[in-house]
Protein backbone atom coordinates (compact mmCIF):
# COMPACT_ATOMS: atom_id res chain seq x y z
CA UNK A 1 -32.52 -24.57 33.06
CA UNK A 2 -31.65 -24.30 29.57
CA UNK A 3 -28.22 -22.70 28.90
CA UNK A 4 -26.29 -22.93 25.92
CA UNK A 5 -22.66 -23.66 27.02
CA UNK A 6 -19.11 -23.47 25.18
CA UNK A 7 -17.40 -27.04 27.10
CA UNK A 8 -14.16 -26.52 24.97
CA UNK A 9 -12.87 -24.32 22.52
CA UNK A 10 -11.33 -24.04 19.41
CA UNK A 11 -14.94 -25.55 17.48
CA UNK A 12 -17.97 -24.36 17.01
CA UNK A 13 -19.23 -28.31 17.08
CA UNK A 14 -18.50 -27.78 21.46
CA UNK A 15 -21.41 -25.72 21.65
CA UNK A 16 -24.35 -27.30 23.54
CA UNK A 17 -27.47 -27.05 24.99
CA UNK A 18 -27.57 -28.27 28.68
CA UNK A 19 -30.73 -28.57 31.12
CA UNK A 20 -29.54 -28.03 35.02
CA UNK A 21 -30.88 -26.87 38.45
CA UNK A 22 -31.58 -22.93 38.04
CA UNK A 23 -29.86 -21.89 41.07
CA UNK A 24 -26.42 -23.57 39.82
CA UNK A 25 -23.29 -20.93 39.53
CA UNK A 26 -25.88 -18.41 40.26
CA UNK A 27 -23.74 -14.85 40.28
CA UNK A 28 -23.97 -13.24 43.48
CA UNK A 29 -23.80 -9.02 43.10
CA UNK A 30 -22.04 -6.82 45.67
CA UNK A 31 -24.79 -4.44 44.28
CA UNK A 32 -28.74 -4.41 44.37
CA UNK A 33 -29.52 -6.96 41.85
CA UNK A 34 -32.48 -8.46 40.11
CA UNK A 35 -32.82 -12.09 38.53
CA UNK A 36 -33.97 -11.79 35.09
CA UNK A 37 -35.94 -14.38 33.27
CA UNK A 38 -34.69 -14.35 29.12
CA UNK A 39 -37.21 -13.98 26.74
CA UNK A 40 -34.50 -13.49 24.15
CA UNK A 41 -31.04 -13.97 23.49
CA UNK A 42 -28.68 -13.16 20.47
CA UNK A 43 -25.31 -14.67 18.94
CA UNK A 44 -22.79 -12.16 18.51
CA UNK A 45 -19.81 -12.01 16.38
CA UNK A 46 -17.85 -11.95 19.30
CA UNK A 47 -19.02 -15.63 20.58
CA UNK A 48 -17.66 -16.70 17.41
CA UNK A 49 -14.52 -15.29 18.69
CA UNK A 50 -14.56 -16.63 22.27
CA UNK A 51 -15.12 -19.97 20.23
CA UNK A 52 -12.10 -20.23 18.55
CA UNK A 53 -9.77 -18.34 19.95
CA UNK A 54 -9.08 -19.05 23.77
CA UNK A 55 -6.43 -16.55 23.93
CA UNK A 56 -8.91 -13.80 24.27
CA UNK A 57 -11.11 -15.59 26.70
CA UNK A 58 -9.04 -18.43 28.61
CA UNK A 59 -11.74 -20.01 30.77
CA UNK A 60 -14.24 -22.61 29.61
CA UNK A 61 -16.91 -24.04 30.17
CA UNK A 62 -18.59 -20.91 29.55
CA UNK A 63 -22.28 -20.10 29.12
CA UNK A 64 -21.86 -17.59 26.29
CA UNK A 65 -24.10 -14.51 25.08
CA UNK A 66 -24.50 -10.53 25.79
CA UNK A 67 -27.32 -9.60 24.07
CA UNK A 68 -30.73 -10.32 25.14
CA UNK A 69 -33.49 -8.76 26.56
CA UNK A 70 -36.04 -10.69 29.54
CA UNK A 71 -38.69 -10.21 32.25
CA UNK A 72 -37.57 -9.09 35.86
CA UNK A 73 -38.84 -12.01 38.01
CA UNK A 74 -37.20 -11.05 41.18
CA UNK A 75 -35.84 -8.05 42.94
CA UNK A 76 -33.40 -9.71 45.18
CA UNK A 77 -31.93 -6.69 47.12
CA UNK A 78 -31.57 -3.20 48.02
CA UNK A 79 -33.54 -0.01 46.52
CA UNK A 80 -32.57 0.86 42.92
CA UNK A 81 -30.19 3.60 42.35
CA UNK A 82 -29.76 4.01 38.47
CA UNK A 83 -32.21 6.96 36.02
CA UNK A 84 -35.86 4.82 36.47
CA UNK A 85 -37.44 2.22 38.41
CA UNK A 86 -38.02 -0.92 38.19
CA UNK A 87 -40.28 -3.53 39.66
CA UNK A 88 -40.63 -7.20 38.35
CA UNK A 89 -42.67 -7.97 36.09
CA UNK A 90 -40.68 -4.81 33.90
CA UNK A 91 -39.17 -6.02 30.37
CA UNK A 92 -35.49 -5.01 30.02
CA UNK A 93 -32.75 -4.57 27.60
CA UNK A 94 -29.51 -5.60 29.51
CA UNK A 95 -26.31 -3.99 29.47
CA UNK A 96 -23.73 -6.80 29.67
CA UNK A 97 -20.85 -4.24 31.03
CA UNK A 98 -20.92 -4.58 34.53
CA UNK A 99 -18.46 -1.71 35.83
CA UNK A 100 -17.49 -0.73 38.86
CA UNK A 101 -18.39 2.85 39.46
CA UNK A 102 -15.39 3.91 41.16
CA UNK A 103 -12.20 3.67 39.53
CA UNK A 104 -10.63 6.45 36.99
CA UNK A 105 -12.19 5.37 34.40
CA UNK A 106 -15.81 5.25 35.83
CA UNK A 107 -15.11 8.63 37.35
CA UNK A 108 -14.84 10.13 34.30
CA UNK A 109 -17.98 8.40 32.24
CA UNK A 110 -16.40 5.86 30.62
CA UNK A 111 -17.69 2.91 32.19
CA UNK A 112 -16.98 0.59 29.47
CA UNK A 113 -13.24 1.24 30.03
CA UNK A 114 -13.83 0.80 33.31
CA UNK A 115 -10.70 -0.80 34.90
CA UNK A 116 -12.15 -3.73 37.14
CA UNK A 117 -14.61 -3.95 34.46
CA UNK A 118 -16.79 -7.77 33.77
CA UNK A 119 -18.65 -8.82 31.09
CA UNK A 120 -21.22 -11.16 31.04
CA UNK A 121 -20.60 -14.17 28.40
CA UNK A 122 -16.62 -13.66 28.61
CA UNK A 123 -15.43 -13.22 31.68
CA UNK A 124 -18.26 -14.91 34.04
CA UNK A 125 -21.25 -17.01 32.13
CA UNK A 126 -23.55 -14.66 30.33
CA UNK A 127 -27.28 -14.46 28.60
CA UNK A 128 -27.52 -17.45 26.81
CA UNK A 129 -29.85 -18.88 29.53
CA UNK A 130 -32.98 -19.37 30.92
CA UNK A 131 -32.48 -17.08 34.05
CA UNK A 132 -29.72 -14.77 35.05
CA UNK A 133 -28.83 -12.25 37.89
CA UNK A 134 -27.90 -8.52 37.05
CA UNK A 135 -27.09 -5.83 38.94
CA UNK A 136 -29.63 -3.00 38.90
CA UNK A 137 -27.70 -0.92 37.13
CA UNK A 138 -27.26 -2.76 34.40
CA UNK A 139 -31.52 -2.69 33.58
CA UNK A 140 -33.08 -0.83 31.38
CA UNK A 141 -37.24 -0.83 30.71
CA UNK A 142 -38.50 -1.53 27.85
CA UNK A 143 -42.18 -2.53 28.23
CA UNK A 144 -43.48 -0.37 25.60
CA UNK A 145 -41.28 -1.71 23.08
CA UNK A 146 -43.05 -2.80 19.86
CA UNK A 147 -41.74 -6.01 19.34
CA UNK A 148 -40.19 -7.91 22.17
CA UNK A 149 -37.68 -9.42 20.00
CA UNK A 150 -35.58 -6.50 19.65
CA UNK A 151 -34.88 -6.10 23.01
CA UNK A 152 -32.05 -8.35 22.18
CA UNK A 153 -30.67 -5.93 19.66
CA UNK A 154 -30.49 -2.44 21.70
CA UNK A 155 -27.19 -4.23 23.18
CA UNK A 156 -25.52 -4.52 19.61
CA UNK A 157 -27.12 -1.31 18.52
CA UNK A 158 -25.38 0.81 21.96
CA UNK A 159 -21.97 -0.47 20.11
CA UNK A 160 -23.19 1.05 16.79
CA UNK A 161 -23.74 4.27 18.59
CA UNK A 162 -21.18 4.68 20.10
CA UNK A 163 -18.88 4.03 17.65
CA UNK A 164 -20.26 6.67 15.62
CA UNK A 165 -20.35 8.75 18.41
CA UNK A 166 -16.40 8.47 18.79
CA UNK A 167 -15.95 8.60 14.79
CA UNK A 168 -17.85 12.27 15.16
CA UNK A 169 -15.80 13.32 18.04
CA UNK A 170 -12.72 12.57 15.66
CA UNK A 171 -13.88 15.17 13.16
CA UNK A 172 -17.00 13.16 11.56
CA UNK A 173 -19.19 15.67 9.50
CA UNK A 174 -22.74 15.03 7.31
CA UNK A 175 -22.21 14.78 3.47
CA UNK A 176 -18.84 12.29 4.04
CA UNK A 177 -18.66 8.90 1.81
CA UNK A 178 -18.32 6.78 4.58
CA UNK A 179 -16.74 3.32 4.08
CA UNK A 180 -16.82 0.01 6.25
CA UNK A 181 -15.82 -3.27 6.61
CA UNK A 182 -17.33 -6.49 7.14
CA UNK A 183 -20.84 -6.95 6.67
CA UNK A 184 -22.46 -8.36 9.85
CA UNK A 185 -25.20 -7.25 12.44
CA UNK A 186 -22.81 -4.23 13.86
CA UNK A 187 -21.59 -2.96 10.63
CA UNK A 188 -25.47 -2.52 9.54
CA UNK A 189 -26.88 -0.95 13.24
CA UNK A 190 -23.00 1.91 12.17
CA UNK A 191 -24.70 2.13 8.61
CA UNK A 192 -28.17 2.89 9.76
CA UNK A 193 -26.75 5.25 12.39
CA UNK A 194 -24.70 7.19 10.32
CA UNK A 195 -27.55 7.24 8.05
CA UNK A 196 -29.82 8.67 10.96
CA UNK A 197 -27.65 10.60 13.16
CA UNK A 198 -25.20 12.24 10.46
CA UNK A 199 -26.51 11.98 6.70
CA UNK A 200 -23.68 11.37 4.95
CA UNK A 201 -23.78 11.50 1.13
CA UNK A 202 -23.09 7.85 1.13
CA UNK A 203 -21.87 4.41 2.83
CA UNK A 204 -20.14 1.48 1.19
CA UNK A 205 -19.64 -1.57 3.16
CA UNK A 206 -17.37 -4.33 1.79
CA UNK A 207 -18.16 -7.91 3.11
CA UNK A 208 -17.21 -11.36 1.95
CA UNK A 209 -18.52 -14.06 -0.77
CA UNK A 210 -20.04 -15.75 2.07
CA UNK A 211 -22.17 -12.40 2.68
CA UNK A 212 -23.53 -12.37 -0.88
CA UNK A 213 -26.66 -14.64 -0.51
CA UNK A 214 -28.11 -13.21 2.59
CA UNK A 215 -26.40 -9.94 4.03
CA UNK A 216 -25.52 -7.84 1.51
CA UNK A 217 -29.21 -7.58 0.15
CA UNK A 218 -30.25 -6.50 3.79
CA UNK A 219 -27.69 -3.57 3.42
CA UNK A 220 -28.89 -2.88 -0.29
CA UNK A 221 -32.70 -2.14 1.04
CA UNK A 222 -31.30 0.50 3.58
CA UNK A 223 -29.56 2.44 0.56
CA UNK A 224 -26.11 1.36 1.21
CA UNK A 225 -23.65 0.47 -1.49
CA UNK A 226 -22.01 -3.23 -1.30
CA UNK A 227 -18.94 -4.88 -2.48
CA UNK A 228 -17.28 -7.85 -1.69
CA UNK A 229 -13.32 -8.38 -0.49
CA UNK A 230 -12.48 -10.12 -3.82
CA UNK A 231 -14.37 -7.26 -6.24
CA UNK A 232 -11.90 -4.69 -4.77
CA UNK A 233 -8.91 -6.15 -3.66
CA UNK A 234 -6.60 -8.58 -5.19
CA UNK A 235 -3.77 -10.92 -3.33
CA UNK A 236 -0.22 -10.70 -5.39
CA UNK A 237 2.60 -12.69 -3.72
CA UNK A 238 0.99 -12.84 -0.49
CA UNK A 239 0.09 -8.66 -0.71
CA UNK A 240 -2.81 -6.99 -0.73
CA UNK A 241 -3.04 -4.81 -4.16
CA UNK A 242 -6.13 -2.04 -3.84
CA UNK A 243 -7.40 -1.68 -6.63
CA UNK A 244 -10.14 0.94 -5.83
CA UNK A 245 -11.21 2.92 -3.43
CA UNK A 246 -7.25 3.79 -2.34
CA UNK A 247 -6.97 7.30 -0.26
CA UNK A 248 -10.37 8.19 -0.96
CA UNK A 249 -11.98 8.43 2.38
CA UNK A 250 -11.59 10.82 5.36
CA UNK A 251 -13.54 8.08 7.91
CA UNK A 252 -13.58 4.44 7.60
CA UNK A 253 -14.76 2.37 9.99
CA UNK A 254 -13.11 -1.31 10.22
CA UNK A 255 -15.77 -4.30 11.56
CA UNK A 256 -14.54 -7.40 10.49
CA UNK A 257 -11.53 -7.66 12.79
CA UNK A 258 -9.69 -9.15 9.88
CA UNK A 259 -5.62 -8.53 9.21
CA UNK A 260 -6.86 -8.14 5.59
CA UNK A 261 -9.53 -5.94 6.53
CA UNK A 262 -7.41 -3.33 8.44
CA UNK A 263 -4.91 -3.35 5.82
CA UNK A 264 -7.26 -2.33 3.60
CA UNK A 265 -8.89 0.37 5.47
CA UNK A 266 -5.84 1.74 5.88
CA UNK A 267 -4.67 2.22 2.69
CA UNK A 268 -8.71 3.35 2.01
CA UNK A 269 -7.88 6.63 4.06
CA UNK A 270 -7.24 9.79 2.55
CA UNK A 271 -4.00 11.37 4.85
CA UNK A 272 -5.14 12.84 8.04
CA UNK A 273 -8.06 10.42 8.11
CA UNK A 274 -9.61 8.62 10.79
CA UNK A 275 -9.76 4.92 11.23
CA UNK A 276 -12.70 3.86 13.69
CA UNK A 277 -11.36 0.12 14.84
CA UNK A 278 -14.95 -1.41 16.24
CA UNK A 279 -13.86 -5.72 15.06
CA UNK A 280 -12.67 -7.72 17.52
CA UNK A 281 -9.90 -9.69 15.81
CA UNK A 282 -8.81 -13.55 16.50
CA UNK A 283 -4.69 -12.97 15.78
CA UNK A 284 -2.30 -10.39 15.84
CA UNK A 285 -2.76 -8.11 12.87
CA UNK A 286 0.42 -6.94 11.36
CA UNK A 287 0.61 -3.56 9.54
CA UNK A 288 2.46 -0.60 8.51
CA UNK A 289 3.14 1.67 11.17
CA UNK A 290 5.12 4.11 8.96
CA UNK A 291 2.01 4.58 6.50
CA UNK A 292 0.35 5.73 9.85
CA UNK A 293 3.03 7.93 10.04
CA UNK A 294 3.87 9.48 7.42
CA UNK A 295 0.73 9.90 6.46
CA UNK A 296 -1.02 10.76 9.93
CA UNK A 297 -3.61 9.09 10.14
CA UNK A 298 -5.75 8.29 12.94
CA UNK A 299 -6.19 4.76 14.46
CA UNK A 300 -9.15 4.55 16.99
CA UNK A 301 -10.48 1.65 19.08
CA UNK A 302 -14.20 1.62 19.83
CA UNK A 303 -15.82 -0.58 22.52
CA UNK A 304 -18.59 -1.43 23.88
CA UNK A 305 -21.24 1.54 25.45
CA UNK A 306 -21.96 3.71 28.26
CA UNK A 307 -25.70 4.15 29.67
CA UNK A 308 -26.27 7.32 27.24
CA UNK A 309 -25.83 5.17 24.24
CA UNK A 310 -27.59 2.45 25.63
CA UNK A 311 -30.55 4.83 25.96
CA UNK A 312 -30.38 6.70 22.32
CA UNK A 313 -30.77 3.34 21.55
CA UNK A 314 -33.79 2.06 22.76
CA UNK A 315 -34.70 5.33 21.82
CA UNK A 316 -33.68 4.53 17.65
CA UNK A 317 -35.28 0.59 18.52
CA UNK A 318 -38.73 2.14 19.80
CA UNK A 319 -38.79 4.69 16.40
CA UNK A 320 -38.42 1.28 13.83
CA UNK A 321 -34.57 1.69 12.92
CA UNK A 322 -34.34 -1.98 12.87
CA UNK A 323 -36.64 -4.49 11.49
CA UNK A 324 -37.87 -7.68 13.09
CA UNK A 325 -37.38 -8.98 9.53
CA UNK A 326 -34.26 -9.22 9.99
CA UNK A 327 -33.92 -11.97 12.65
CA UNK A 328 -34.55 -15.88 12.69
CA UNK A 329 -35.42 -17.19 16.12
CA UNK A 330 -34.10 -20.72 16.81
CA UNK A 331 -34.99 -23.15 19.43
CA UNK A 332 -31.70 -23.13 21.82
CA UNK A 333 -31.71 -27.23 21.31
CA UNK A 334 -30.42 -26.33 18.10
CA UNK A 335 -27.66 -24.14 18.85
CA UNK A 336 -24.85 -25.68 17.39
CA UNK A 337 -26.57 -25.49 14.25
CA UNK A 338 -27.45 -21.44 15.03
CA UNK A 339 -23.69 -20.96 15.43
CA UNK A 340 -22.57 -22.59 11.88
CA UNK A 341 -25.55 -20.83 10.62
CA UNK A 342 -24.45 -17.34 11.87
CA UNK A 343 -20.55 -18.35 11.50
CA UNK A 344 -21.52 -18.96 7.24
CA UNK A 345 -23.65 -15.17 6.94
CA UNK A 346 -26.74 -17.18 6.85
CA UNK A 347 -28.90 -14.82 8.70
CA UNK A 348 -28.45 -11.48 9.91
CA UNK A 349 -29.16 -12.07 13.46
CA UNK A 350 -30.00 -15.16 15.20
CA UNK A 351 -31.72 -14.94 18.38
CA UNK A 352 -32.86 -18.17 21.18
CA UNK A 353 -36.05 -17.97 22.40
CA UNK A 354 -36.22 -19.26 26.03
């Protein structure tokens, strides 16, 4: 069975594809589960963080991956307790956040914040492998999907849905001008969910110079304004000098996870505005909390998704929100090259076909 593993930390060169027995290291869950044959599994920006920042994800070797879809090969035990019936042969999307269902957060419906949560591909081995065992409650039937490859994009789209819903809870309204820092897949999906659900006056995305060739043109095709960070900001004496957009936005999404992005996002907010922090950072960021206090800014985190976010993402996929041509399929044995390509912004979405 093929598995894509991080054998050591801090370097993409340590990514490798191995072939090992199919039952080796199988995880057994106490709840009814299924063995799923993975069809497509993708790379996420947080996978890059896992590679480069072991402080966040200390244990390796580790099978990476948490964005995947596949076919139910075998129901292992018990009756399905969730929102739909599943049977062997169903094509499914996988929610990689395994929650306990009994802690304080789970009882409030905030299963993404479960106090005992396990994330596939981080806390335990993930979805960049041919077969995986997953609790039944983490599977969503998507048999009538127009393109099976899109099934592996439901998870990141659910994350985008969750971020937009949080922004709505903190006052996001129609006809706003919205700013996002970061030009990756999640930023694109947040932008598309905003256009579908909120209908803002405009959306502007700030990327990096490496995003110019492939990623930024996709945003522009979707009617989203784009700039590079270098076009808007200058570094003078080690400090950011905001040359445009300062104090202009009520709502800003920070999806890059970089210190420069966070600082610039804060400066872009109007007084009383809200920053939705979505991107994971590889290192701790130093920010001016006095600015947050004096201007009564709201700094809000968004992590993962809950069941309703996943279901809404499935409906958006079925409605054609995401285009298949944004996906590049790569052989698992070329995983090292694929991760480097993704890290260098040479593709919007990269998947492995197992």
